[in-house]
Amino acid sequence: MEPAKTLEEEVVELLARKHLTVTTAESCTGGLIAGTLINAAGASDVLNEGYVTYSNEAKERLVHVSHETLERYGAVSAQTAQEMAEGAARAAGADAALSATGIAGPGGGSVEKPVGLVYIGCCLNGRTVVKECRFNGTRMENRLRTVETALTMLREQLT
């Protein structure tokens, strides 16, 4: 009996079967979404590039998040996650994009935006969904849960 497929293997296979490509725009995950996708054989057929946009300047320059969005809503917002995903897809010429922006912890939170607040964007063929998550683990646990949630969102959009 074959071992069960990992989430990233499922996503890579779905993308390959549909002849689609994916990119990432990551802040709080720091490249972990792309790094997880690369765990799956065949990832090079569907992932050409990804962006680690940790600073606001990088979000603007690399994936074209508008300065107005960052000023008005902040880096950790649904609006920024949406613009990150859509901008990454355009910048990479990809069919799909995953974005993540949030506060991994243990510091950096506020009453309005507590530690563990993460916004994940999933853009597929120009249609974007954004999910607000509130994780309560360690910094690494919050990052790993963000990756899992992002990949699950893309799998759902593909099926």
C-alpha atoms as a PDB file:
ATOM      1  CA  MET A   1       0.000   0.000   0.000  1.00  0.00           C
ATOM      2  CA  GLU A   2       1.337   3.433  -0.937  1.00  0.00           C
ATOM      3  CA  PRO A   3       1.878   5.945   1.852  1.00  0.00           C
ATOM      4  CA  ALA A   4      -0.651   8.766   2.033  1.00  0.00           C
ATOM      5  CA  LYS A   5       0.264  11.828   0.022  1.00  0.00           C
ATOM      6  CA  THR A   6       1.330  14.950   1.848  1.00  0.00           C
ATOM      7  CA  LEU A   7      -0.671  18.139   1.394  1.00  0.00           C
ATOM      8  CA  GLU A   8       2.104  19.661  -0.705  1.00  0.00           C
ATOM      9  CA  GLU A   9       2.264  16.545  -2.919  1.00  0.00           C
ATOM     10  CA  GLU A  10      -1.498  16.783  -3.499  1.00  0.00           C
ATOM     11  CA  VAL A  11      -1.257  20.491  -4.397  1.00  0.00           C
ATOM     12  CA  VAL A  12       1.710  20.013  -6.748  1.00  0.00           C
ATOM     13  CA  GLU A  13      -0.028  17.085  -8.483  1.00  0.00           C
ATOM     14  CA  LEU A  14      -3.274  19.052  -8.893  1.00  0.00           C
ATOM     15  CA  LEU A  15      -1.406  22.026 -10.356  1.00  0.00           C
ATOM     16  CA  ALA A  16       0.569  19.770 -12.728  1.00  0.00           C
ATOM     17  CA  ARG A  17      -2.537  17.868 -13.844  1.00  0.00           C
ATOM     18  CA  LYS A  18      -4.279  21.174 -14.649  1.00  0.00           C
ATOM     19  CA  HIS A  19      -1.120  22.647 -16.282  1.00  0.00           C
ATOM     20  CA  LEU A  20      -1.105  25.566 -13.819  1.00  0.00           C
ATOM     21  CA  THR A  21       1.732  27.409 -12.124  1.00  0.00           C
ATOM     22  CA  VAL A  22       1.904  28.887  -8.630  1.00  0.00           C
ATOM     23  CA  THR A  23       3.908  31.565  -6.873  1.00  0.00           C
ATOM     24  CA  THR A  24       4.049  32.862  -3.304  1.00  0.00           C
ATOM     25  CA  ALA A  25       4.265  36.244  -1.594  1.00  0.00           C
ATOM     26  CA  GLU A  26       5.254  35.672   2.011  1.00  0.00           C
ATOM     27  CA  SER A  27       5.795  37.906   4.984  1.00  0.00           C
ATOM     28  CA  CYS A  28       5.332  36.122   8.332  1.00  0.00           C
ATOM     29  CA  THR A  29       6.131  32.718   6.795  1.00  0.00           C
ATOM     30  CA  GLY A  30       9.416  33.945   5.306  1.00  0.00           C
ATOM     31  CA  GLY A  31       9.438  31.526   2.365  1.00  0.00           C
ATOM     32  CA  LEU A  32       8.069  28.526   4.249  1.00  0.00           C
ATOM     33  CA  ILE A  33       5.105  28.090   1.864  1.00  0.00           C
ATOM     34  CA  ALA A  34       7.416  27.916  -1.165  1.00  0.00           C
ATOM     35  CA  GLY A  35       9.861  25.778   0.813  1.00  0.00           C
ATOM     36  CA  THR A  36       7.086  23.337   1.689  1.00  0.00           C
ATOM     37  CA  LEU A  37       5.886  23.090  -1.912  1.00  0.00           C
ATOM     38  CA  ILE A  38       9.466  22.266  -2.927  1.00  0.00           C
ATOM     39  CA  ASN A  39       9.303  19.193  -0.659  1.00  0.00           C
ATOM     40  CA  ALA A  40       7.086  17.583  -3.316  1.00  0.00           C
ATOM     41  CA  ALA A  41       8.595  15.918  -6.371  1.00  0.00           C
ATOM     42  CA  GLY A  42       7.551  17.784  -9.498  1.00  0.00           C
ATOM     43  CA  ALA A  43       7.465  21.170  -7.776  1.00  0.00           C
ATOM     44  CA  SER A  44       9.846  22.583 -10.379  1.00  0.00           C
ATOM     45  CA  ASP A  45       7.136  22.043 -13.015  1.00  0.00           C
ATOM     46  CA  VAL A  46       4.653  24.306 -11.197  1.00  0.00           C
ATOM     47  CA  LEU A  47       6.694  26.749  -9.077  1.00  0.00           C
ATOM     48  CA  ASN A  48       9.011  29.127 -10.916  1.00  0.00           C
ATOM     49  CA  GLU A  49       9.558  31.755  -8.239  1.00  0.00           C
ATOM     50  CA  GLY A  50       8.376  33.085  -4.919  1.00  0.00           C
ATOM     51  CA  TYR A  51       8.728  36.354  -3.045  1.00  0.00           C
ATOM     52  CA  VAL A  52       9.668  36.966   0.582  1.00  0.00           C
ATOM     53  CA  THR A  53       8.204  40.418   1.167  1.00  0.00           C
ATOM     54  CA  TYR A  54       8.934  40.945   4.838  1.00  0.00           C
ATOM     55  CA  SER A  55       9.132  44.737   4.715  1.00  0.00           C
ATOM     56  CA  ASN A  56       6.446  47.121   3.471  1.00  0.00           C
ATOM     57  CA  GLU A  57       8.966  48.408   0.930  1.00  0.00           C
ATOM     58  CA  ALA A  58       9.364  44.869  -0.463  1.00  0.00           C
ATOM     59  CA  LYS A  59       5.589  44.393  -0.596  1.00  0.00           C
ATOM     60  CA  GLU A  60       5.330  47.552  -2.701  1.00  0.00           C
ATOM     61  CA  ARG A  61       8.361  46.954  -4.932  1.00  0.00           C
ATOM     62  CA  LEU A  62       8.120  43.209  -5.594  1.00  0.00           C
ATOM     63  CA  VAL A  63       4.390  42.422  -5.576  1.00  0.00           C
ATOM     64  CA  HIS A  64       2.950  45.900  -6.082  1.00  0.00           C
ATOM     65  CA  VAL A  65       0.898  46.307  -2.905  1.00  0.00           C
ATOM     66  CA  SER A  66      -0.234  49.925  -3.030  1.00  0.00           C
ATOM     67  CA  HIS A  67       1.301  52.385  -0.594  1.00  0.00           C
ATOM     68  CA  GLU A  68      -2.249  53.609   0.176  1.00  0.00           C
ATOM     69  CA  THR A  69      -3.338  50.098   1.221  1.00  0.00           C
ATOM     70  CA  LEU A  70      -0.377  49.754   3.566  1.00  0.00           C
ATOM     71  CA  GLU A  71      -0.970  53.220   5.050  1.00  0.00           C
ATOM     72  CA  ARG A  72      -4.717  52.763   5.460  1.00  0.00           C
ATOM     73  CA  TYR A  73      -5.028  49.116   6.542  1.00  0.00           C
ATOM     74  CA  GLY A  74      -1.509  48.121   7.551  1.00  0.00           C
ATOM     75  CA  ALA A  75       0.693  45.251   6.438  1.00  0.00           C
ATOM     76  CA  VAL A  76      -1.373  42.794   8.473  1.00  0.00           C
ATOM     77  CA  SER A  77      -4.752  43.108   6.774  1.00  0.00           C
ATOM     78  CA  ALA A  78      -7.069  41.294   4.404  1.00  0.00           C
ATOM     79  CA  GLN A  79      -6.531  44.053   1.849  1.00  0.00           C
ATOM     80  CA  THR A  80      -2.761  43.630   1.905  1.00  0.00           C
ATOM     81  CA  ALA A  81      -3.028  39.824   1.674  1.00  0.00           C
ATOM     82  CA  GLN A  82      -5.283  40.192  -1.366  1.00  0.00           C
ATOM     83  CA  GLU A  83      -2.962  42.648  -3.094  1.00  0.00           C
ATOM     84  CA  MET A  84       0.063  40.472  -2.271  1.00  0.00           C
ATOM     85  CA  ALA A  85      -1.526  37.402  -3.883  1.00  0.00           C
ATOM     86  CA  GLU A  86      -2.782  39.246  -6.946  1.00  0.00           C
ATOM     87  CA  GLY A  87       0.466  41.181  -7.368  1.00  0.00           C
ATOM     88  CA  ALA A  88       2.604  38.062  -7.032  1.00  0.00           C
ATOM     89  CA  ALA A  89       0.552  36.214  -9.646  1.00  0.00           C
ATOM     90  CA  ARG A  90       1.003  39.138 -12.054  1.00  0.00           C
ATOM     91  CA  ALA A  91       4.710  39.609 -11.275  1.00  0.00           C
ATOM     92  CA  ALA A  92       5.490  35.907 -11.731  1.00  0.00           C
ATOM     93  CA  GLY A  93       3.068  35.332 -14.608  1.00  0.00           C
ATOM     94  CA  ALA A  94       1.564  32.521 -12.531  1.00  0.00           C
ATOM     95  CA  ASP A  95      -1.961  31.094 -12.614  1.00  0.00           C
ATOM     96  CA  ALA A  96      -2.128  30.864  -8.811  1.00  0.00           C
ATOM     97  CA  ALA A  97      -0.567  32.666  -5.887  1.00  0.00           C
ATOM     98  CA  LEU A  98      -0.561  32.246  -2.127  1.00  0.00           C
ATOM     99  CA  SER A  99       0.179  35.123   0.225  1.00  0.00           C
ATOM    100  CA  ALA A 100       0.640  35.325   3.971  1.00  0.00           C
ATOM    101  CA  THR A 101       0.955  38.366   6.198  1.00  0.00           C
ATOM    102  CA  GLY A 102       0.596  38.352   9.943  1.00  0.00           C
ATOM    103  CA  ILE A 103       2.114  38.459  13.400  1.00  0.00           C
ATOM    104  CA  ALA A 104       3.877  35.181  14.143  1.00  0.00           C
ATOM    105  CA  GLY A 105       4.925  36.257  17.639  1.00  0.00           C
ATOM    106  CA  PRO A 106       5.946  36.156  20.343  1.00  0.00           C
ATOM    107  CA  GLY A 107       6.100  39.968  20.171  1.00  0.00           C
ATOM    108  CA  GLY A 108       4.704  42.546  17.794  1.00  0.00           C
ATOM    109  CA  GLY A 109       1.039  42.174  18.613  1.00  0.00           C
ATOM    110  CA  SER A 110      -1.463  44.781  19.746  1.00  0.00           C
ATOM    111  CA  VAL A 111      -5.047  44.807  20.977  1.00  0.00           C
ATOM    112  CA  GLU A 112      -6.314  45.388  17.418  1.00  0.00           C
ATOM    113  CA  LYS A 113      -3.841  42.971  15.846  1.00  0.00           C
ATOM    114  CA  PRO A 114      -2.827  40.297  18.356  1.00  0.00           C
ATOM    115  CA  VAL A 115       0.000  37.790  18.011  1.00  0.00           C
ATOM    116  CA  GLY A 116      -1.235  34.916  15.860  1.00  0.00           C
ATOM    117  CA  LEU A 117      -3.369  37.093  13.583  1.00  0.00           C
ATOM    118  CA  VAL A 118      -2.617  36.058  10.002  1.00  0.00           C
ATOM    119  CA  TYR A 119      -4.263  36.868   6.679  1.00  0.00           C
ATOM    120  CA  ILE A 120      -3.807  34.359   3.879  1.00  0.00           C
ATOM    121  CA  GLY A 121      -4.605  35.162   0.273  1.00  0.00           C
ATOM    122  CA  CYS A 122      -5.228  32.588  -2.434  1.00  0.00           C
ATOM    123  CA  CYS A 123      -5.519  33.846  -5.998  1.00  0.00           C
ATOM    124  CA  LEU A 124      -6.437  31.413  -8.787  1.00  0.00           C
ATOM    125  CA  ASN A 125      -7.029  32.610 -12.332  1.00  0.00           C
ATOM    126  CA  GLY A 126      -7.704  36.163 -11.138  1.00  0.00           C
ATOM    127  CA  ARG A 127     -10.162  35.204  -8.376  1.00  0.00           C
ATOM    128  CA  THR A 128      -8.893  35.846  -4.854  1.00  0.00           C
ATOM    129  CA  VAL A 129     -10.131  34.620  -1.512  1.00  0.00           C
ATOM    130  CA  VAL A 130      -8.670  35.853   1.774  1.00  0.00           C
ATOM    131  CA  LYS A 131      -8.930  34.082   5.094  1.00  0.00           C
ATOM    132  CA  GLU A 132      -8.378  35.625   8.516  1.00  0.00           C
ATOM    133  CA  CYS A 133      -6.772  33.209  10.971  1.00  0.00           C
ATOM    134  CA  ARG A 134      -6.064  33.528  14.664  1.00  0.00           C
ATOM    135  CA  PHE A 135      -3.429  31.048  15.747  1.00  0.00           C
ATOM    136  CA  ASN A 136      -2.217  30.693  19.324  1.00  0.00           C
ATOM    137  CA  GLY A 137       0.951  28.635  19.137  1.00  0.00           C
ATOM    138  CA  THR A 138       4.633  29.447  19.265  1.00  0.00           C
ATOM    139  CA  ARG A 139       6.180  31.516  16.469  1.00  0.00           C
ATOM    140  CA  MET A 140       7.085  28.354  14.520  1.00  0.00           C
ATOM    141  CA  GLU A 141       3.717  26.705  15.158  1.00  0.00           C
ATOM    142  CA  ASN A 142       1.930  29.809  13.876  1.00  0.00           C
ATOM    143  CA  ARG A 143       4.099  29.808  10.752  1.00  0.00           C
ATOM    144  CA  LEU A 144       3.513  26.093  10.122  1.00  0.00           C
ATOM    145  CA  ARG A 145      -0.261  26.433  10.610  1.00  0.00           C
ATOM    146  CA  THR A 146      -0.221  29.329   8.141  1.00  0.00           C
ATOM    147  CA  VAL A 147       1.513  27.131   5.549  1.00  0.00           C
ATOM    148  CA  GLU A 148      -0.966  24.295   6.110  1.00  0.00           C
ATOM    149  CA  THR A 149      -3.938  26.656   5.848  1.00  0.00           C
ATOM    150  CA  ALA A 150      -2.588  28.302   2.689  1.00  0.00           C
ATOM    151  CA  LEU A 151      -1.962  24.980   0.932  1.00  0.00           C
ATOM    152  CA  THR A 152      -5.392  23.718   2.000  1.00  0.00           C
ATOM    153  CA  MET A 153      -7.008  26.872   0.567  1.00  0.00           C
ATOM    154  CA  LEU A 154      -5.263  26.322  -2.777  1.00  0.00           C
ATOM    155  CA  ARG A 155      -6.203  22.617  -2.828  1.00  0.00           C
ATOM    156  CA  GLU A 156      -9.857  23.584  -2.243  1.00  0.00           C
ATOM    157  CA  GLN A 157      -9.742  26.164  -5.058  1.00  0.00           C
ATOM    158  CA  LEU A 158      -8.257  23.569  -7.421  1.00  0.00           C
ATOM    159  CA  THR A 159     -10.855  20.869  -6.711  1.00  0.00           C
END
